[in-house]
Amino acid sequence: MAFPIHGANYEALYKNFDLPLPTNVFDLSENVNCLGTPDSVHQMWPHLFSELTRYPHPEAEPLHSQLAMTHQLLNEQIVIGNGAAELLSTYANLFSGKKVILLHPTFSEYKETLTSAGATCIDIITDVHAHELPLEKINAAMKIASCLYICNPNNPTGKLLELDVLLSLIQTARQQQCHVLIDEAFMDWTDERNSVIPYVAQFEHVTVMRSMTKMYALAGIRLGYMVSHPITITRIKQKLPHWNVNALALSIGAQCLQEHTFRKRSIDVSKTQRMNITQFLREHGCIVLDSVANFVCFQLAQPEKTREFYFYCLTNGIVLRHTENYVGLNGQWLRIGLKKDEAMKAFQSIYLKWVVTL
């Protein structure tokens, strides 16, 4: 049975499993902001038509300079991409023929892009219940690896690594001449205190990946960026096509960076939904990992019934994110995106109906 490697696109999911598409479907498999795009983006949309006939700015302005101002960096320390996927693929090409460390469970696209680039992955499986990383294994692997990938907050668990742990790993990596990529795609759902971006200038071997598609619901536009030493940024840019980011994305991204009130409201809504669903699941015997992101990873009281529950939800119009392709979770966990009340209550209702069938 072939499970899709990503969430979202539920129509294709039902077709893949040869299931009838319910009249009402709540897609909790993706983790785009349930509030949608900011109102200001809707208001500016008619004015973007003039951008259609012009080539994008060659240096990705006005977004490029605004990102530099936001993070207090030089323009030379930032590269913007057509979504995080493009930048991850490009970055992976820097390690063709080399070894890269992955800490599982983690975003499946790391391994896909690295393998395609001809890199060899060193897979280290972490205990999702543990509060600490297997530092001895990681430090030993860095002696023979060229790069270490860290997802923080983690996807799919939502767990956050503290800054002191990250800085310790970064310092050890520098001693071992090992690069470090820290994917902070969901860091803007936090207070940013554990972001490594303020330390990039001190460490030439560190690159930080950020996404704008989650917080600002720009999945269809595709927009992400990397922050690193100017030498690394130059190497990445050399592998990217000209005008790789469209003009609409640049204008919309620049506007979204000004949406401080929207971001705060999004974080507050997500926090409330996260607390509510965590309490509900734990009250019904589930194990729920501590998440700081806009999704929650949980395990049923009877994990051997995970696949049965997953398909029960599908047949009842609830789409969860499976973990069949997450090393270390092995299909016995599920991830639920935090959505508006109607969707969350629909999930709880289906869950309670399923419990009765056991």
Protein backbone atom coordinates (compact mmCIF):
# COMPACT_ATOMS: atom_id res chain seq x y z
CA MET A 1 0.00 0.00 0.00
CA ALA A 2 1.64 3.24 -1.16
CA PHE A 3 1.25 6.14 1.26
CA PRO A 4 1.89 9.67 -0.07
CA ILE A 5 5.13 11.27 1.11
CA HIS A 6 3.47 14.60 1.99
CA GLY A 7 0.29 15.86 3.54
CA ALA A 8 -2.32 18.01 1.70
CA ASN A 9 -3.91 17.22 -1.69
CA TYR A 10 -6.55 15.04 -0.09
CA GLU A 11 -8.39 14.46 -3.38
CA ALA A 12 -5.36 12.56 -4.68
CA LEU A 13 -5.12 10.71 -1.36
CA TYR A 14 -8.65 9.33 -1.64
CA LYS A 15 -8.03 8.39 -5.26
CA ASN A 16 -4.78 6.69 -4.31
CA PHE A 17 -6.56 4.50 -1.76
CA ASP A 18 -9.60 4.02 -4.01
CA LEU A 19 -11.89 5.54 -1.40
CA PRO A 20 -15.06 7.51 -2.14
CA LEU A 21 -14.59 11.21 -1.46
CA PRO A 22 -16.90 12.32 1.39
CA THR A 23 -19.07 15.37 0.88
CA ASN A 24 -17.28 17.23 3.66
CA VAL A 25 -13.56 16.78 4.26
CA PHE A 26 -11.38 18.37 6.92
CA ASP A 27 -7.74 18.21 5.84
CA LEU A 28 -5.68 18.03 9.02
CA SER A 29 -2.71 16.50 7.22
CA GLU A 30 -1.20 19.84 6.24
CA ASN A 31 0.08 22.53 8.57
CA VAL A 32 -0.61 25.82 6.82
CA ASN A 33 -1.99 28.59 9.06
CA CYS A 34 -5.71 27.98 9.59
CA LEU A 35 -6.33 31.75 9.53
CA GLY A 36 -5.27 31.87 5.91
CA THR A 37 -3.29 34.71 4.37
CA PRO A 38 -3.32 38.15 6.04
CA ASP A 39 -6.11 40.51 4.98
CA SER A 40 -3.56 42.94 3.59
CA VAL A 41 -2.56 40.34 0.97
CA HIS A 42 -6.17 40.13 -0.20
CA GLN A 43 -6.32 43.92 -0.38
CA MET A 44 -3.12 44.23 -2.42
CA TRP A 45 -4.03 41.43 -4.85
CA PRO A 46 -5.61 43.65 -7.58
CA HIS A 47 -2.47 45.82 -7.59
CA LEU A 48 -0.27 42.78 -8.28
CA PHE A 49 -1.57 42.36 -11.82
CA SER A 50 0.94 44.95 -13.01
CA GLU A 51 3.70 42.59 -11.84
CA LEU A 52 2.65 39.94 -14.34
CA THR A 53 4.22 41.68 -17.33
CA ARG A 54 7.54 42.44 -15.63
CA TYR A 55 10.48 40.22 -14.77
CA PRO A 56 11.11 39.83 -11.04
CA HIS A 57 13.83 41.95 -9.50
CA PRO A 58 17.19 40.18 -10.11
CA GLU A 59 18.13 40.53 -6.44
CA ALA A 60 14.69 39.50 -5.15
CA GLU A 61 13.70 42.95 -3.96
CA PRO A 62 11.89 44.31 -2.03
CA LEU A 63 11.84 41.14 0.05
CA HIS A 64 15.60 40.65 0.16
CA SER A 65 16.37 43.94 1.91
CA GLN A 66 13.38 43.61 4.21
CA LEU A 67 14.54 40.18 5.39
CA ALA A 68 18.00 41.60 6.05
CA MET A 69 16.44 44.38 8.12
CA THR A 70 14.16 41.97 9.98
CA HIS A 71 17.01 39.68 11.00
CA GLN A 72 19.66 42.43 11.23
CA LEU A 73 21.85 40.80 8.61
CA LEU A 74 23.64 41.80 5.44
CA ASN A 75 21.93 41.17 2.12
CA GLU A 76 24.89 38.95 1.27
CA GLN A 77 23.88 36.57 4.06
CA ILE A 78 20.46 35.77 2.58
CA VAL A 79 19.21 33.85 -0.44
CA ILE A 80 15.52 33.58 -1.33
CA GLY A 81 14.02 30.52 -2.98
CA ASN A 82 10.90 29.24 -4.69
CA GLY A 83 9.83 27.59 -1.47
CA ALA A 84 12.02 25.73 0.99
CA ALA A 85 11.99 22.73 -1.35
CA GLU A 86 14.05 24.51 -3.99
CA LEU A 87 16.62 25.67 -1.47
CA LEU A 88 16.87 22.27 0.21
CA SER A 89 17.52 20.64 -3.17
CA THR A 90 20.13 23.24 -4.04
CA TYR A 91 21.83 23.02 -0.65
CA ALA A 92 21.95 19.21 -0.88
CA ASN A 93 23.99 19.52 -4.08
CA LEU A 94 26.81 21.06 -2.05
CA PHE A 95 27.34 17.64 -0.46
CA SER A 96 27.39 15.40 -3.51
CA GLY A 97 29.59 12.39 -2.77
CA LYS A 98 29.77 13.30 0.93
CA LYS A 99 28.17 12.06 4.14
CA VAL A 100 25.35 13.92 5.87
CA ILE A 101 23.83 13.21 9.28
CA LEU A 102 20.05 13.06 9.67
CA LEU A 103 18.36 12.93 13.09
CA HIS A 104 15.17 10.90 12.78
CA PRO A 105 12.27 11.30 12.89
CA THR A 106 12.58 14.32 10.63
CA PHE A 107 11.31 15.91 7.44
CA SER A 108 11.42 13.21 4.76
CA GLU A 109 12.49 15.60 2.01
CA TYR A 110 15.99 15.92 3.48
CA LYS A 111 16.84 12.35 2.57
CA GLU A 112 15.15 12.56 -0.81
CA THR A 113 17.09 15.65 -1.88
CA LEU A 114 20.38 14.39 -0.46
CA THR A 115 20.06 11.01 -2.13
CA SER A 116 19.20 12.67 -5.43
CA ALA A 117 22.28 14.85 -5.04
CA GLY A 118 24.51 11.80 -4.55
CA ALA A 119 25.12 12.26 -0.83
CA THR A 120 25.22 9.40 1.67
CA CYS A 121 22.97 9.75 4.71
CA ILE A 122 24.04 8.71 8.20
CA ASP A 123 20.74 7.97 9.95
CA ILE A 124 20.60 8.48 13.70
CA ILE A 125 17.26 7.55 15.28
CA THR A 126 16.38 9.61 18.33
CA ASP A 127 13.96 8.63 21.09
CA VAL A 128 10.91 10.87 20.71
CA HIS A 129 10.18 10.41 24.41
CA ALA A 130 13.64 11.51 25.52
CA HIS A 131 14.39 15.07 26.56
CA GLU A 132 17.94 14.93 25.22
CA LEU A 133 19.57 14.04 21.92
CA PRO A 134 22.03 11.12 21.64
CA LEU A 135 24.94 13.57 21.67
CA GLU A 136 27.67 10.92 21.78
CA LYS A 137 26.38 9.30 18.58
CA ILE A 138 26.00 12.67 16.88
CA ASN A 139 29.45 13.88 17.88
CA ALA A 140 31.03 10.63 16.70
CA ALA A 141 29.22 10.83 13.36
CA MET A 142 30.39 14.40 12.80
CA LYS A 143 33.97 13.13 12.63
CA ILE A 144 33.22 11.46 9.29
CA ALA A 145 30.37 13.65 8.01
CA SER A 146 30.38 16.89 6.04
CA CYS A 147 27.05 18.21 7.33
CA LEU A 148 24.49 17.74 10.09
CA TYR A 149 20.80 18.47 9.44
CA ILE A 150 18.64 19.60 12.37
CA CYS A 151 14.91 20.39 12.14
CA ASN A 152 13.95 22.83 14.90
CA PRO A 153 11.11 22.84 15.81
CA ASN A 154 11.02 19.28 14.62
CA ASN A 155 8.70 18.09 11.90
CA PRO A 156 6.76 15.86 12.61
CA THR A 157 7.02 15.95 16.42
CA GLY A 158 6.85 19.70 16.98
CA LYS A 159 9.48 19.42 19.72
CA LEU A 160 11.88 22.32 20.24
CA LEU A 161 15.61 22.09 20.91
CA GLU A 162 16.92 24.71 23.31
CA LEU A 163 19.48 27.21 22.06
CA ASP A 164 22.26 26.05 24.39
CA VAL A 165 22.02 22.51 22.96
CA LEU A 166 22.18 23.84 19.42
CA LEU A 167 25.15 26.09 20.13
CA SER A 168 27.01 23.19 21.72
CA LEU A 169 26.42 21.05 18.62
CA ILE A 170 27.46 23.93 16.38
CA GLN A 171 30.72 24.41 18.26
CA THR A 172 31.53 20.71 18.12
CA ALA A 173 30.71 20.69 14.41
CA ARG A 174 33.13 23.54 13.81
CA GLN A 175 35.89 21.57 15.49
CA GLN A 176 35.08 18.62 13.23
CA GLN A 177 34.83 20.84 10.12
CA CYS A 178 31.23 19.73 9.70
CA HIS A 179 28.59 22.08 8.33
CA VAL A 180 25.24 22.43 10.08
CA LEU A 181 21.86 23.09 8.45
CA ILE A 182 19.12 24.10 10.87
CA ASP A 183 15.65 24.07 9.37
CA GLU A 184 13.56 26.62 11.24
CA ALA A 185 10.47 26.36 9.03
CA PHE A 186 8.23 26.47 12.11
CA MET A 187 10.31 28.75 14.32
CA ASP A 188 8.03 31.73 13.66
CA TRP A 189 5.34 29.92 15.66
CA THR A 190 7.53 30.51 18.73
CA ASP A 191 8.99 33.56 20.48
CA GLU A 192 12.16 33.06 18.37
CA ARG A 193 14.41 32.85 21.44
CA ASN A 194 15.82 29.55 20.22
CA SER A 195 16.52 30.68 16.66
CA VAL A 196 20.12 30.38 15.53
CA ILE A 197 19.86 33.23 13.02
CA PRO A 198 21.42 35.82 15.41
CA TYR A 199 24.51 33.58 15.63
CA VAL A 200 25.07 32.93 11.94
CA ALA A 201 27.62 35.73 11.67
CA GLN A 202 29.76 33.99 14.30
CA PHE A 203 29.74 30.58 12.62
CA GLU A 204 30.72 30.31 8.97
CA HIS A 205 29.66 26.65 8.82
CA VAL A 206 26.02 27.23 9.85
CA THR A 207 23.05 27.70 7.50
CA VAL A 208 19.48 28.37 8.63
CA MET A 209 16.45 27.50 6.50
CA ARG A 210 13.21 29.45 6.91
CA SER A 211 9.79 29.11 5.28
CA MET A 212 7.11 31.75 4.81
CA THR A 213 4.47 29.33 3.56
CA LYS A 214 3.35 28.03 6.96
CA MET A 215 2.73 31.16 9.02
CA TYR A 216 1.38 33.26 6.16
CA ALA A 217 -0.46 30.49 4.26
CA LEU A 218 1.54 30.97 1.06
CA ALA A 219 1.88 27.31 0.10
CA GLY A 220 0.64 28.02 -3.42
CA ILE A 221 3.02 30.94 -3.92
CA ARG A 222 6.13 29.05 -2.70
CA LEU A 223 8.50 31.20 -0.68
CA GLY A 224 11.45 30.43 1.58
CA TYR A 225 14.93 31.70 2.34
CA MET A 226 18.29 30.65 3.72
CA VAL A 227 20.62 32.58 5.98
CA SER A 228 24.32 31.78 6.07
CA HIS A 229 27.87 33.04 5.55
CA PRO A 230 28.24 35.06 2.30
CA ILE A 231 30.51 32.37 0.83
CA THR A 232 27.86 29.68 1.33
CA ILE A 233 25.13 31.99 0.02
CA THR A 234 27.20 32.64 -3.11
CA ARG A 235 27.65 28.92 -3.70
CA ILE A 236 23.91 28.36 -3.40
CA LYS A 237 23.05 31.26 -5.69
CA GLN A 238 25.41 29.91 -8.35
CA LYS A 239 23.27 26.77 -8.54
CA LEU A 240 19.93 28.58 -8.72
CA PRO A 241 18.33 29.77 -11.97
CA HIS A 242 17.90 33.48 -12.67
CA TRP A 243 14.59 34.95 -11.46
CA ASN A 244 13.88 31.83 -9.42
CA VAL A 245 11.31 33.67 -7.28
CA ASN A 246 8.33 35.26 -8.99
CA ALA A 247 7.46 38.93 -8.58
CA LEU A 248 4.13 38.25 -6.84
CA ALA A 249 5.84 36.16 -4.17
CA LEU A 250 8.41 38.89 -3.54
CA SER A 251 5.77 41.58 -3.08
CA ILE A 252 3.53 39.40 -0.93
CA GLY A 253 6.44 38.20 1.19
CA ALA A 254 7.55 41.77 1.87
CA GLN A 255 4.02 42.64 2.99
CA CYS A 256 3.77 39.60 5.25
CA LEU A 257 6.92 40.58 7.13
CA GLN A 258 5.03 43.63 8.36
CA GLU A 259 2.13 41.56 9.72
CA HIS A 260 3.17 41.51 13.37
CA THR A 261 -0.40 41.58 14.73
CA PHE A 262 -1.46 38.78 12.39
CA ARG A 263 1.49 36.64 13.47
CA LYS A 264 0.73 37.16 17.16
CA ARG A 265 -2.92 36.27 16.64
CA SER A 266 -1.93 33.17 14.69
CA ILE A 267 0.36 32.03 17.50
CA ASP A 268 -2.36 32.61 20.09
CA VAL A 269 -4.97 30.66 18.09
CA SER A 270 -2.53 27.82 17.51
CA LYS A 271 -1.58 27.70 21.19
CA THR A 272 -5.23 27.45 22.25
CA GLN A 273 -6.00 24.68 19.75
CA ARG A 274 -2.82 22.84 20.70
CA MET A 275 -3.69 22.89 24.40
CA ASN A 276 -7.26 21.76 23.74
CA ILE A 277 -6.43 18.85 21.44
CA THR A 278 -3.53 17.74 23.62
CA GLN A 279 -5.81 17.60 26.65
CA PHE A 280 -8.49 15.72 24.70
CA LEU A 281 -6.08 13.12 23.36
CA ARG A 282 -4.35 12.55 26.70
CA GLU A 283 -7.69 12.19 28.46
CA HIS A 284 -8.42 9.33 26.06
CA GLY A 285 -5.17 7.48 26.67
CA CYS A 286 -3.07 8.83 23.82
CA ILE A 287 0.58 9.79 24.10
CA VAL A 288 1.04 13.35 22.86
CA LEU A 289 4.46 14.87 22.26
CA ASP A 290 5.09 18.40 23.50
CA SER A 291 4.82 20.62 20.44
CA VAL A 292 5.46 24.32 19.92
CA ALA A 293 4.33 24.30 16.29
CA ASN A 294 0.91 24.43 14.63
CA PHE A 295 0.58 20.65 14.67
CA VAL A 296 0.62 17.85 17.23
CA CYS A 297 2.07 14.35 16.99
CA PHE A 298 0.27 11.64 18.95
CA GLN A 299 0.14 7.90 19.46
CA LEU A 300 -3.01 5.93 20.17
CA ALA A 301 -3.37 3.93 23.38
CA GLN A 302 -3.28 0.92 21.04
CA PRO A 303 -0.61 1.87 18.48
CA GLU A 304 -1.11 -1.37 16.58
CA LYS A 305 -4.48 0.05 15.50
CA THR A 306 -3.00 3.24 14.05
CA ARG A 307 -3.55 2.31 10.42
CA GLU A 308 -7.11 1.16 11.17
CA PHE A 309 -7.87 4.48 12.84
CA TYR A 310 -6.23 6.44 10.01
CA PHE A 311 -8.54 4.85 7.43
CA TYR A 312 -11.56 5.14 9.72
CA CYS A 313 -10.90 8.88 9.82
CA LEU A 314 -10.52 9.02 6.04
CA THR A 315 -13.84 7.32 5.43
CA ASN A 316 -15.42 9.87 7.75
CA GLY A 317 -13.89 12.93 6.12
CA ILE A 318 -10.95 13.50 8.47
CA VAL A 319 -7.50 13.50 6.87
CA LEU A 320 -4.61 13.03 9.27
CA ARG A 321 -0.91 12.92 8.46
CA HIS A 322 0.41 9.37 8.57
CA THR A 323 3.97 8.60 9.69
CA GLU A 324 4.59 5.61 7.44
CA ASN A 325 7.55 7.37 5.82
CA TYR A 326 9.04 8.83 9.00
CA VAL A 327 12.00 6.78 10.21
CA GLY A 328 11.69 6.28 13.96
CA LEU A 329 7.90 6.59 14.03
CA ASN A 330 7.23 3.72 11.63
CA GLY A 331 3.57 4.42 11.06
CA GLN A 332 2.60 4.09 14.73
CA TRP A 333 2.08 7.80 15.27
CA LEU A 334 -0.16 10.37 13.63
CA ARG A 335 0.19 14.12 13.14
CA ILE A 336 -2.74 16.49 13.27
CA GLY A 337 -2.60 20.03 11.93
CA LEU A 338 -4.20 22.65 14.16
CA LYS A 339 -7.23 24.13 12.41
CA LYS A 340 -10.34 26.12 13.29
CA ASP A 341 -12.87 24.92 15.85
CA GLU A 342 -15.17 23.21 13.35
CA ALA A 343 -12.39 20.97 12.07
CA MET A 344 -10.99 20.15 15.50
CA LYS A 345 -14.44 19.30 16.88
CA ALA A 346 -15.14 17.13 13.84
CA PHE A 347 -11.96 15.16 14.56
CA GLN A 348 -12.88 14.72 18.22
CA SER A 349 -16.36 13.51 17.25
CA ILE A 350 -14.94 10.91 14.86
CA TYR A 351 -12.40 9.82 17.45
CA LEU A 352 -15.12 9.22 20.04
CA LYS A 353 -17.20 7.25 17.52
CA TRP A 354 -14.19 5.11 16.69
CA VAL A 355 -13.53 4.34 20.37
CA VAL A 356 -17.04 2.92 20.65
CA THR A 357 -16.26 0.43 17.86
CA LEU A 358 -13.33 -1.10 19.75
